[in-house]
N, C-alpha and C. Protein backbone atom coordinates (compact mmCIF):
# COMPACT_ATOMS: atom_id res chain seq x y z
N MET A 1 16.15 6.73 -23.15
CA MET A 1 16.47 5.98 -21.94
C MET A 1 15.27 5.98 -21.00
N PRO A 2 15.02 4.86 -20.36
CA PRO A 2 13.91 4.83 -19.40
C PRO A 2 14.25 5.66 -18.16
N PRO A 3 13.22 6.10 -17.42
CA PRO A 3 13.50 6.87 -16.20
C PRO A 3 14.15 6.00 -15.13
N SER A 4 14.80 6.67 -14.20
CA SER A 4 15.40 5.98 -13.06
C SER A 4 14.30 5.37 -12.21
N VAL A 5 14.62 4.25 -11.57
CA VAL A 5 13.65 3.52 -10.75
C VAL A 5 13.83 3.90 -9.29
N LEU A 6 12.74 4.33 -8.69
CA LEU A 6 12.71 4.66 -7.27
C LEU A 6 11.87 3.64 -6.54
N TYR A 7 12.46 3.01 -5.53
CA TYR A 7 11.67 2.20 -4.62
C TYR A 7 11.18 3.13 -3.52
N LEU A 8 9.89 3.36 -3.47
CA LEU A 8 9.27 4.13 -2.40
C LEU A 8 8.78 3.11 -1.37
N ILE A 9 9.38 3.15 -0.20
CA ILE A 9 9.05 2.21 0.87
C ILE A 9 8.29 2.98 1.94
N ALA A 10 7.06 2.56 2.20
CA ALA A 10 6.22 3.24 3.18
C ALA A 10 5.95 2.32 4.36
N CYS A 11 6.20 2.86 5.55
CA CYS A 11 5.95 2.13 6.79
C CYS A 11 4.59 2.55 7.36
N ALA A 12 4.14 1.83 8.35
CA ALA A 12 2.83 2.09 8.95
C ALA A 12 2.88 3.28 9.89
N ALA A 13 3.05 4.44 9.31
CA ALA A 13 2.92 5.71 10.01
C ALA A 13 1.80 6.46 9.29
N ALA A 14 1.14 7.34 9.97
CA ALA A 14 -0.08 7.97 9.45
C ALA A 14 0.00 8.45 8.00
N PRO A 15 1.11 9.07 7.53
CA PRO A 15 1.13 9.52 6.14
C PRO A 15 1.06 8.38 5.11
N ALA A 16 1.26 7.15 5.52
CA ALA A 16 1.16 6.04 4.57
C ALA A 16 -0.23 5.94 3.96
N GLN A 17 -1.22 6.47 4.65
CA GLN A 17 -2.56 6.45 4.06
C GLN A 17 -2.66 7.40 2.86
N TYR A 18 -1.64 8.25 2.68
CA TYR A 18 -1.58 9.17 1.54
C TYR A 18 -0.38 8.86 0.65
N VAL A 19 0.09 7.63 0.66
CA VAL A 19 1.28 7.29 -0.12
C VAL A 19 1.06 7.50 -1.61
N ASP A 20 -0.18 7.45 -2.06
CA ASP A 20 -0.47 7.72 -3.47
C ASP A 20 -0.03 9.14 -3.86
N VAL A 21 -0.10 10.08 -2.92
CA VAL A 21 0.37 11.44 -3.17
C VAL A 21 1.89 11.41 -3.40
N GLY A 22 2.61 10.67 -2.56
CA GLY A 22 4.05 10.54 -2.72
C GLY A 22 4.42 9.90 -4.05
N VAL A 23 3.67 8.89 -4.44
CA VAL A 23 3.93 8.23 -5.74
C VAL A 23 3.75 9.24 -6.87
N ARG A 24 2.66 9.99 -6.83
CA ARG A 24 2.41 10.96 -7.90
C ARG A 24 3.50 12.04 -7.94
N ARG A 25 3.92 12.52 -6.79
CA ARG A 25 4.96 13.55 -6.76
C ARG A 25 6.27 13.00 -7.33
N ALA A 26 6.60 11.77 -6.99
CA ALA A 26 7.82 11.16 -7.53
C ALA A 26 7.71 10.97 -9.04
N GLN A 27 6.55 10.56 -9.51
CA GLN A 27 6.35 10.40 -10.95
C GLN A 27 6.46 11.75 -11.66
N GLU A 28 5.91 12.79 -11.05
CA GLU A 28 6.02 14.13 -11.63
C GLU A 28 7.48 14.59 -11.72
N ALA A 29 8.29 14.09 -10.79
CA ALA A 29 9.72 14.42 -10.80
C ALA A 29 10.50 13.54 -11.77
N GLY A 30 9.81 12.61 -12.44
CA GLY A 30 10.45 11.80 -13.47
C GLY A 30 10.85 10.40 -13.06
N TRP A 31 10.49 9.97 -11.87
CA TRP A 31 10.85 8.62 -11.42
C TRP A 31 9.84 7.58 -11.90
N ASP A 32 10.34 6.38 -12.17
CA ASP A 32 9.51 5.18 -12.34
C ASP A 32 9.41 4.60 -10.93
N VAL A 33 8.23 4.67 -10.32
CA VAL A 33 8.08 4.34 -8.91
C VAL A 33 7.59 2.92 -8.71
N CYS A 34 8.33 2.19 -7.88
CA CYS A 34 7.91 0.87 -7.40
C CYS A 34 7.59 1.05 -5.92
N LEU A 35 6.41 0.62 -5.52
CA LEU A 35 5.96 0.83 -4.16
C LEU A 35 6.10 -0.46 -3.35
N VAL A 36 6.72 -0.32 -2.19
CA VAL A 36 6.88 -1.43 -1.25
C VAL A 36 6.33 -0.94 0.09
N LEU A 37 5.43 -1.72 0.66
CA LEU A 37 4.80 -1.36 1.93
C LEU A 37 5.19 -2.36 3.00
N THR A 38 5.33 -1.89 4.23
CA THR A 38 5.47 -2.85 5.32
C THR A 38 4.15 -3.61 5.42
N PRO A 39 4.15 -4.79 6.01
CA PRO A 39 2.90 -5.54 6.11
C PRO A 39 1.78 -4.75 6.79
N SER A 40 2.11 -3.99 7.82
CA SER A 40 1.07 -3.19 8.49
C SER A 40 0.55 -2.09 7.58
N ALA A 41 1.42 -1.41 6.86
CA ALA A 41 0.97 -0.37 5.92
C ALA A 41 0.14 -0.98 4.80
N ALA A 42 0.49 -2.17 4.36
CA ALA A 42 -0.27 -2.84 3.30
C ALA A 42 -1.72 -3.10 3.73
N ARG A 43 -1.91 -3.39 5.00
CA ARG A 43 -3.28 -3.61 5.50
C ARG A 43 -4.13 -2.35 5.31
N TRP A 44 -3.52 -1.18 5.43
CA TRP A 44 -4.27 0.06 5.28
C TRP A 44 -4.75 0.26 3.85
N TRP A 45 -4.08 -0.39 2.90
CA TRP A 45 -4.41 -0.23 1.48
C TRP A 45 -5.09 -1.47 0.88
N GLU A 46 -5.46 -2.44 1.71
CA GLU A 46 -6.08 -3.67 1.19
C GLU A 46 -7.25 -3.38 0.26
N HIS A 47 -8.12 -2.46 0.65
CA HIS A 47 -9.32 -2.16 -0.13
C HIS A 47 -9.04 -1.31 -1.37
N ARG A 48 -7.81 -0.77 -1.47
CA ARG A 48 -7.45 0.07 -2.61
C ARG A 48 -6.15 -0.38 -3.27
N HIS A 49 -5.77 -1.62 -3.05
CA HIS A 49 -4.52 -2.16 -3.58
C HIS A 49 -4.43 -1.99 -5.10
N ALA A 50 -5.51 -2.31 -5.80
CA ALA A 50 -5.51 -2.23 -7.27
C ALA A 50 -5.23 -0.80 -7.74
N GLU A 51 -5.67 0.18 -6.98
CA GLU A 51 -5.41 1.58 -7.33
C GLU A 51 -3.91 1.87 -7.33
N LEU A 52 -3.19 1.33 -6.36
CA LEU A 52 -1.75 1.55 -6.30
C LEU A 52 -1.02 0.82 -7.42
N VAL A 53 -1.47 -0.37 -7.76
CA VAL A 53 -0.87 -1.12 -8.87
C VAL A 53 -1.07 -0.35 -10.17
N GLU A 54 -2.27 0.16 -10.38
CA GLU A 54 -2.55 0.93 -11.60
C GLU A 54 -1.72 2.22 -11.62
N LEU A 55 -1.61 2.87 -10.49
CA LEU A 55 -0.86 4.13 -10.40
C LEU A 55 0.62 3.93 -10.71
N THR A 56 1.23 2.88 -10.18
CA THR A 56 2.66 2.66 -10.37
C THR A 56 2.98 1.89 -11.65
N GLY A 57 2.05 1.06 -12.09
CA GLY A 57 2.34 0.19 -13.23
C GLY A 57 3.17 -1.02 -12.86
N HIS A 58 3.32 -1.24 -11.56
CA HIS A 58 4.10 -2.36 -11.03
C HIS A 58 3.31 -3.06 -9.93
N PRO A 59 3.62 -4.32 -9.67
CA PRO A 59 3.03 -4.95 -8.48
C PRO A 59 3.47 -4.17 -7.23
N VAL A 60 2.58 -4.09 -6.26
CA VAL A 60 2.92 -3.47 -4.99
C VAL A 60 3.29 -4.59 -4.04
N ARG A 61 4.51 -4.54 -3.53
CA ARG A 61 5.04 -5.63 -2.72
C ARG A 61 4.96 -5.29 -1.23
N SER A 62 4.74 -6.33 -0.42
CA SER A 62 4.80 -6.16 1.03
C SER A 62 5.33 -7.42 1.71
N GLN A 63 5.55 -8.46 0.94
CA GLN A 63 6.04 -9.72 1.50
C GLN A 63 7.26 -10.18 0.70
N TYR A 64 8.13 -10.92 1.37
CA TYR A 64 9.25 -11.54 0.65
C TYR A 64 8.70 -12.53 -0.36
N LYS A 65 9.37 -12.64 -1.50
CA LYS A 65 8.98 -13.65 -2.49
C LYS A 65 9.48 -15.01 -2.03
N LEU A 66 8.91 -16.05 -2.59
CA LEU A 66 9.38 -17.40 -2.30
C LEU A 66 10.65 -17.66 -3.11
N PRO A 67 11.51 -18.55 -2.64
CA PRO A 67 12.81 -18.76 -3.30
C PRO A 67 12.73 -19.06 -4.79
N TRP A 68 11.72 -19.71 -5.25
CA TRP A 68 11.62 -20.09 -6.66
C TRP A 68 10.91 -19.04 -7.51
N GLU A 69 10.44 -17.98 -6.89
CA GLU A 69 9.75 -16.93 -7.63
C GLU A 69 10.75 -15.91 -8.18
N SER A 70 10.42 -15.35 -9.34
CA SER A 70 11.26 -14.31 -9.95
C SER A 70 10.98 -12.97 -9.32
N ASP A 71 11.97 -12.08 -9.37
CA ASP A 71 11.74 -10.70 -8.95
C ASP A 71 10.77 -10.07 -9.93
N VAL A 72 9.81 -9.33 -9.43
CA VAL A 72 8.82 -8.70 -10.31
C VAL A 72 9.05 -7.21 -10.47
N LEU A 73 9.99 -6.65 -9.72
CA LEU A 73 10.29 -5.23 -9.82
C LEU A 73 11.64 -5.02 -10.49
N PRO A 74 11.77 -3.95 -11.27
CA PRO A 74 13.08 -3.64 -11.85
C PRO A 74 14.05 -3.24 -10.75
N PRO A 75 15.34 -3.33 -11.00
CA PRO A 75 16.32 -2.91 -9.98
C PRO A 75 16.18 -1.43 -9.64
N ALA A 76 16.40 -1.11 -8.39
CA ALA A 76 16.27 0.27 -7.92
C ALA A 76 17.52 1.09 -8.23
N ASP A 77 17.31 2.35 -8.60
CA ASP A 77 18.40 3.32 -8.73
C ASP A 77 18.52 4.15 -7.46
N ALA A 78 17.44 4.22 -6.69
CA ALA A 78 17.42 4.94 -5.42
C ALA A 78 16.27 4.39 -4.58
N VAL A 79 16.37 4.61 -3.27
CA VAL A 79 15.33 4.16 -2.35
C VAL A 79 14.95 5.33 -1.45
N LEU A 80 13.66 5.52 -1.28
CA LEU A 80 13.14 6.53 -0.37
C LEU A 80 12.22 5.83 0.63
N VAL A 81 12.57 5.90 1.90
CA VAL A 81 11.72 5.32 2.94
C VAL A 81 10.95 6.47 3.56
N ALA A 82 9.66 6.54 3.20
CA ALA A 82 8.83 7.66 3.65
C ALA A 82 7.36 7.25 3.60
N PRO A 83 6.67 7.35 4.67
CA PRO A 83 7.13 7.71 6.00
C PRO A 83 7.88 6.53 6.65
N LEU A 84 8.85 6.88 7.47
CA LEU A 84 9.60 5.89 8.24
C LEU A 84 9.09 5.92 9.68
N SER A 85 8.49 4.83 10.10
CA SER A 85 7.96 4.76 11.47
C SER A 85 9.10 4.58 12.48
N CYS A 86 8.81 4.86 13.72
CA CYS A 86 9.78 4.69 14.79
C CYS A 86 10.22 3.23 14.89
N THR A 87 9.27 2.32 14.78
CA THR A 87 9.58 0.89 14.85
C THR A 87 10.52 0.48 13.72
N SER A 88 10.19 0.87 12.50
CA SER A 88 11.02 0.48 11.36
C SER A 88 12.38 1.15 11.40
N LEU A 89 12.45 2.39 11.87
CA LEU A 89 13.74 3.07 12.03
C LEU A 89 14.66 2.24 12.92
N ASN A 90 14.15 1.84 14.07
CA ASN A 90 14.99 1.11 15.03
C ASN A 90 15.32 -0.29 14.54
N LYS A 91 14.39 -0.95 13.86
CA LYS A 91 14.69 -2.28 13.31
C LYS A 91 15.75 -2.17 12.22
N TRP A 92 15.61 -1.21 11.33
CA TRP A 92 16.56 -1.02 10.24
C TRP A 92 17.96 -0.78 10.80
N ALA A 93 18.08 0.12 11.75
CA ALA A 93 19.39 0.43 12.32
C ALA A 93 20.00 -0.76 13.05
N ALA A 94 19.15 -1.61 13.60
CA ALA A 94 19.63 -2.79 14.32
C ALA A 94 19.90 -3.96 13.39
N GLY A 95 19.61 -3.80 12.11
CA GLY A 95 19.84 -4.89 11.16
C GLY A 95 18.78 -5.96 11.18
N ILE A 96 17.60 -5.63 11.66
CA ILE A 96 16.50 -6.61 11.72
C ILE A 96 15.67 -6.45 10.46
N ALA A 97 15.89 -7.31 9.50
CA ALA A 97 15.23 -7.24 8.21
C ALA A 97 14.11 -8.28 8.14
N ASP A 98 13.17 -8.19 9.05
CA ASP A 98 12.10 -9.18 9.10
C ASP A 98 10.93 -8.84 8.19
N THR A 99 11.01 -7.72 7.47
CA THR A 99 10.00 -7.39 6.46
C THR A 99 10.73 -7.12 5.15
N LEU A 100 10.04 -7.32 4.06
CA LEU A 100 10.62 -7.02 2.75
C LEU A 100 11.05 -5.56 2.68
N ALA A 101 10.23 -4.66 3.19
CA ALA A 101 10.54 -3.24 3.12
C ALA A 101 11.89 -2.93 3.75
N ILE A 102 12.12 -3.40 4.95
CA ILE A 102 13.38 -3.13 5.64
C ILE A 102 14.51 -3.96 5.04
N GLY A 103 14.21 -5.17 4.61
CA GLY A 103 15.23 -6.01 3.98
C GLY A 103 15.79 -5.38 2.70
N LEU A 104 14.91 -4.82 1.87
CA LEU A 104 15.36 -4.21 0.62
C LEU A 104 16.28 -3.03 0.86
N VAL A 105 15.90 -2.15 1.77
CA VAL A 105 16.72 -0.96 1.99
C VAL A 105 17.98 -1.31 2.78
N SER A 106 17.89 -2.25 3.70
CA SER A 106 19.08 -2.66 4.46
C SER A 106 20.16 -3.20 3.53
N GLU A 107 19.74 -4.04 2.61
CA GLU A 107 20.67 -4.62 1.66
C GLU A 107 21.11 -3.58 0.62
N GLY A 108 20.15 -2.83 0.12
CA GLY A 108 20.43 -1.86 -0.94
C GLY A 108 21.49 -0.84 -0.56
N VAL A 109 21.44 -0.35 0.67
CA VAL A 109 22.42 0.64 1.13
C VAL A 109 23.83 0.08 0.99
N HIS A 110 23.99 -1.20 1.28
CA HIS A 110 25.32 -1.81 1.23
C HIS A 110 25.67 -2.35 -0.15
N MET A 111 24.76 -2.14 -1.09
CA MET A 111 25.04 -2.44 -2.49
C MET A 111 25.29 -1.15 -3.27
N GLY A 112 25.33 -0.04 -2.55
CA GLY A 112 25.62 1.25 -3.19
C GLY A 112 24.41 1.98 -3.73
N ILE A 113 23.21 1.54 -3.40
CA ILE A 113 22.00 2.23 -3.87
C ILE A 113 21.73 3.41 -2.94
N PRO A 114 21.68 4.62 -3.47
CA PRO A 114 21.43 5.79 -2.63
C PRO A 114 20.08 5.67 -1.91
N ALA A 115 20.07 6.06 -0.64
CA ALA A 115 18.85 5.97 0.15
C ALA A 115 18.62 7.22 0.97
N ALA A 116 17.37 7.62 1.06
CA ALA A 116 16.95 8.72 1.92
C ALA A 116 15.76 8.23 2.73
N ALA A 117 15.56 8.85 3.89
CA ALA A 117 14.46 8.46 4.76
C ALA A 117 13.90 9.70 5.45
N VAL A 118 12.57 9.71 5.56
CA VAL A 118 11.89 10.79 6.27
C VAL A 118 11.02 10.15 7.35
N PRO A 119 11.41 10.31 8.61
CA PRO A 119 10.63 9.74 9.70
C PRO A 119 9.30 10.45 9.90
N TYR A 120 8.43 9.78 10.60
CA TYR A 120 7.16 10.38 11.04
C TYR A 120 6.74 9.67 12.31
N PHE A 121 6.94 10.36 13.43
CA PHE A 121 6.49 9.83 14.71
C PHE A 121 6.38 10.97 15.70
N ASN A 122 5.81 10.69 16.85
CA ASN A 122 5.56 11.76 17.81
C ASN A 122 6.72 11.92 18.80
N ARG A 123 6.65 12.99 19.58
CA ARG A 123 7.73 13.32 20.50
C ARG A 123 7.93 12.27 21.58
N ALA A 124 6.86 11.63 22.00
CA ALA A 124 7.00 10.58 23.01
C ALA A 124 7.82 9.42 22.44
N GLN A 125 7.56 9.04 21.20
CA GLN A 125 8.35 7.99 20.55
C GLN A 125 9.78 8.47 20.33
N ALA A 126 9.94 9.72 19.91
CA ALA A 126 11.27 10.27 19.64
C ALA A 126 12.12 10.36 20.89
N ALA A 127 11.49 10.39 22.05
CA ALA A 127 12.23 10.48 23.31
C ALA A 127 12.92 9.17 23.69
N GLN A 128 12.59 8.10 23.01
CA GLN A 128 13.25 6.82 23.28
C GLN A 128 14.73 6.94 22.90
N PRO A 129 15.64 6.57 23.77
CA PRO A 129 17.08 6.70 23.46
C PRO A 129 17.50 5.99 22.18
N ALA A 130 16.79 4.94 21.80
CA ALA A 130 17.16 4.21 20.59
C ALA A 130 17.00 5.05 19.34
N VAL A 131 16.10 6.02 19.34
CA VAL A 131 15.84 6.81 18.14
C VAL A 131 17.09 7.57 17.70
N GLY A 132 17.70 8.32 18.57
CA GLY A 132 18.90 9.07 18.21
C GLY A 132 20.03 8.17 17.76
N ARG A 133 20.20 7.05 18.48
CA ARG A 133 21.25 6.09 18.08
C ARG A 133 20.96 5.53 16.69
N SER A 134 19.69 5.22 16.43
CA SER A 134 19.33 4.64 15.13
C SER A 134 19.57 5.62 13.99
N VAL A 135 19.21 6.87 14.21
CA VAL A 135 19.46 7.89 13.19
C VAL A 135 20.96 8.00 12.91
N ASP A 136 21.76 8.01 13.96
CA ASP A 136 23.22 8.09 13.79
C ASP A 136 23.76 6.88 13.04
N VAL A 137 23.26 5.69 13.36
CA VAL A 137 23.72 4.46 12.69
C VAL A 137 23.40 4.52 11.20
N LEU A 138 22.19 4.93 10.85
CA LEU A 138 21.82 5.00 9.43
C LEU A 138 22.63 6.06 8.70
N ARG A 139 22.81 7.22 9.32
CA ARG A 139 23.63 8.26 8.68
C ARG A 139 25.06 7.79 8.47
N ALA A 140 25.60 7.03 9.41
CA ALA A 140 26.97 6.50 9.27
C ALA A 140 27.07 5.53 8.10
N GLN A 141 25.94 4.94 7.70
CA GLN A 141 25.91 4.02 6.55
C GLN A 141 25.64 4.76 5.25
N GLY A 142 25.51 6.09 5.32
CA GLY A 142 25.31 6.88 4.11
C GLY A 142 23.85 7.20 3.79
N VAL A 143 22.94 6.86 4.68
CA VAL A 143 21.53 7.16 4.45
C VAL A 143 21.29 8.63 4.77
N ASN A 144 20.61 9.32 3.88
CA ASN A 144 20.25 10.72 4.11
C ASN A 144 18.95 10.71 4.92
N VAL A 145 19.08 10.84 6.24
CA VAL A 145 17.92 10.82 7.14
C VAL A 145 17.50 12.25 7.42
N LEU A 146 16.32 12.62 6.99
CA LEU A 146 15.80 13.97 7.22
C LEU A 146 15.13 14.01 8.58
N TYR A 147 15.93 14.20 9.60
CA TYR A 147 15.44 14.23 10.97
C TYR A 147 16.27 15.21 11.77
N GLY A 148 15.61 16.00 12.57
CA GLY A 148 16.33 16.99 13.36
C GLY A 148 16.42 18.29 12.59
N GLU A 149 17.48 19.04 12.86
CA GLU A 149 17.64 20.35 12.22
C GLU A 149 17.62 20.22 10.70
N GLY A 150 16.74 20.98 10.06
CA GLY A 150 16.62 20.96 8.61
C GLY A 150 15.82 19.79 8.08
N GLY A 151 15.27 18.98 8.97
CA GLY A 151 14.49 17.82 8.54
C GLY A 151 13.20 17.72 9.31
N TYR A 152 12.73 16.53 9.47
CA TYR A 152 11.48 16.28 10.16
C TYR A 152 11.62 16.56 11.65
N ALA A 153 10.64 17.22 12.22
CA ALA A 153 10.57 17.44 13.67
C ALA A 153 9.39 16.65 14.21
N ALA A 154 9.64 15.84 15.21
CA ALA A 154 8.57 15.03 15.79
C ALA A 154 7.45 15.94 16.30
N HIS A 155 6.23 15.46 16.12
CA HIS A 155 5.05 16.22 16.51
C HIS A 155 4.58 15.80 17.91
N PRO A 156 3.79 16.64 18.58
CA PRO A 156 3.24 16.24 19.87
C PRO A 156 2.34 15.01 19.69
N PRO A 157 2.27 14.14 20.69
CA PRO A 157 1.40 12.97 20.59
C PRO A 157 -0.04 13.36 20.22
N ARG A 158 -0.61 12.58 19.32
CA ARG A 158 -1.98 12.75 18.84
C ARG A 158 -2.22 14.07 18.11
N GLN A 159 -1.15 14.68 17.63
CA GLN A 159 -1.31 15.96 16.93
C GLN A 159 -0.60 15.98 15.58
N GLY A 160 -0.26 14.84 15.04
CA GLY A 160 0.39 14.81 13.73
C GLY A 160 -0.58 15.22 12.64
N VAL A 161 -0.03 15.74 11.56
CA VAL A 161 -0.83 16.14 10.41
C VAL A 161 -0.36 15.27 9.23
N ALA A 162 -0.97 14.11 9.12
CA ALA A 162 -0.50 13.11 8.16
C ALA A 162 -0.62 13.55 6.71
N ASP A 163 -1.64 14.34 6.39
CA ASP A 163 -1.81 14.73 4.99
C ASP A 163 -0.93 15.91 4.59
N ALA A 164 -0.10 16.38 5.53
CA ALA A 164 0.84 17.46 5.23
C ALA A 164 2.27 16.93 5.20
N PHE A 165 2.44 15.66 4.91
CA PHE A 165 3.77 15.05 4.87
C PHE A 165 4.63 15.74 3.81
N PRO A 166 5.91 15.99 4.09
CA PRO A 166 6.78 16.76 3.16
C PRO A 166 7.33 15.92 2.01
N TRP A 167 6.47 15.52 1.10
CA TRP A 167 6.91 14.68 -0.03
C TRP A 167 7.97 15.37 -0.87
N GLU A 168 7.84 16.67 -1.10
CA GLU A 168 8.82 17.38 -1.93
C GLU A 168 10.20 17.34 -1.28
N ALA A 169 10.26 17.58 0.03
CA ALA A 169 11.54 17.53 0.75
C ALA A 169 12.10 16.11 0.71
N ALA A 170 11.22 15.13 0.82
CA ALA A 170 11.67 13.74 0.78
C ALA A 170 12.33 13.44 -0.57
N LEU A 171 11.69 13.84 -1.64
CA LEU A 171 12.25 13.60 -2.98
C LEU A 171 13.52 14.41 -3.21
N ALA A 172 13.57 15.61 -2.67
CA ALA A 172 14.76 16.44 -2.82
C ALA A 172 15.95 15.85 -2.06
N ALA A 173 15.69 14.97 -1.10
CA ALA A 173 16.77 14.34 -0.33
C ALA A 173 17.49 13.26 -1.11
N LEU A 174 16.91 12.87 -2.24
CA LEU A 174 17.55 11.84 -3.07
C LEU A 174 18.73 12.47 -3.81
N PRO A 175 19.72 11.65 -4.16
CA PRO A 175 20.94 12.20 -4.76
C PRO A 175 20.76 12.80 -6.14
N SER A 176 19.68 12.44 -6.84
CA SER A 176 19.45 13.01 -8.16
C SER A 176 17.97 12.97 -8.44
N SER A 177 17.56 13.73 -9.42
CA SER A 177 16.16 13.69 -9.81
C SER A 177 15.89 12.39 -10.55
N GLY A 178 14.66 12.17 -10.84
CA GLY A 178 14.29 10.95 -11.53
C GLY A 178 14.44 11.07 -13.03
N GLY A 179 15.50 11.64 -13.46
CA GLY A 179 15.76 11.78 -14.89
C GLY A 179 16.10 10.43 -15.51
N PRO A 180 16.63 10.45 -16.71
CA PRO A 180 16.98 9.20 -17.38
C PRO A 180 17.96 8.37 -16.55
N ARG A 181 17.80 7.09 -16.66
CA ARG A 181 18.67 6.15 -15.92
C ARG A 181 20.10 6.33 -16.39
N ARG A 182 20.98 6.37 -15.41
CA ARG A 182 22.41 6.50 -15.71
C ARG A 182 22.98 5.15 -16.13
N LYS A 183 23.95 5.18 -17.04
CA LYS A 183 24.58 3.93 -17.48
C LYS A 183 25.67 3.52 -16.53
């Protein structure tokens, strides 16, 4: 049986510059990883896009396909949004699917695809009242949001450590390992 398919969705938060580490960790855990980037995160990888395609073995998506185009990625068995930026967190919770990344996970959650998310933003952003409401909204929809006690703690402004992103914890938040695809 082929491995389970994980859609790794990375938003434009500092750890996205190390998303290749997340892909490798997921692959080591047995997942077939399809990478989807927000348009802003995709800009960070423009000069190394081919590296991500080679690493995943799939096209790296960041834009909606045109209506007459075929889907190029296999169906997802799980979705991990990591890193999840403050902007994308609030858009997702509000139902604003103006990017492929947020559109896929917004729809997928309501199609029964397990989803986990690991935010990455600073304390000033986290102080916005919308953040707590957004986390609550996503959790109420069944999303495993690693934020707060036992999860991600917002860092002081300008003091984040992007290359120390908790990829292992993010993968452990998924409902199952990337073993063989379930029938």
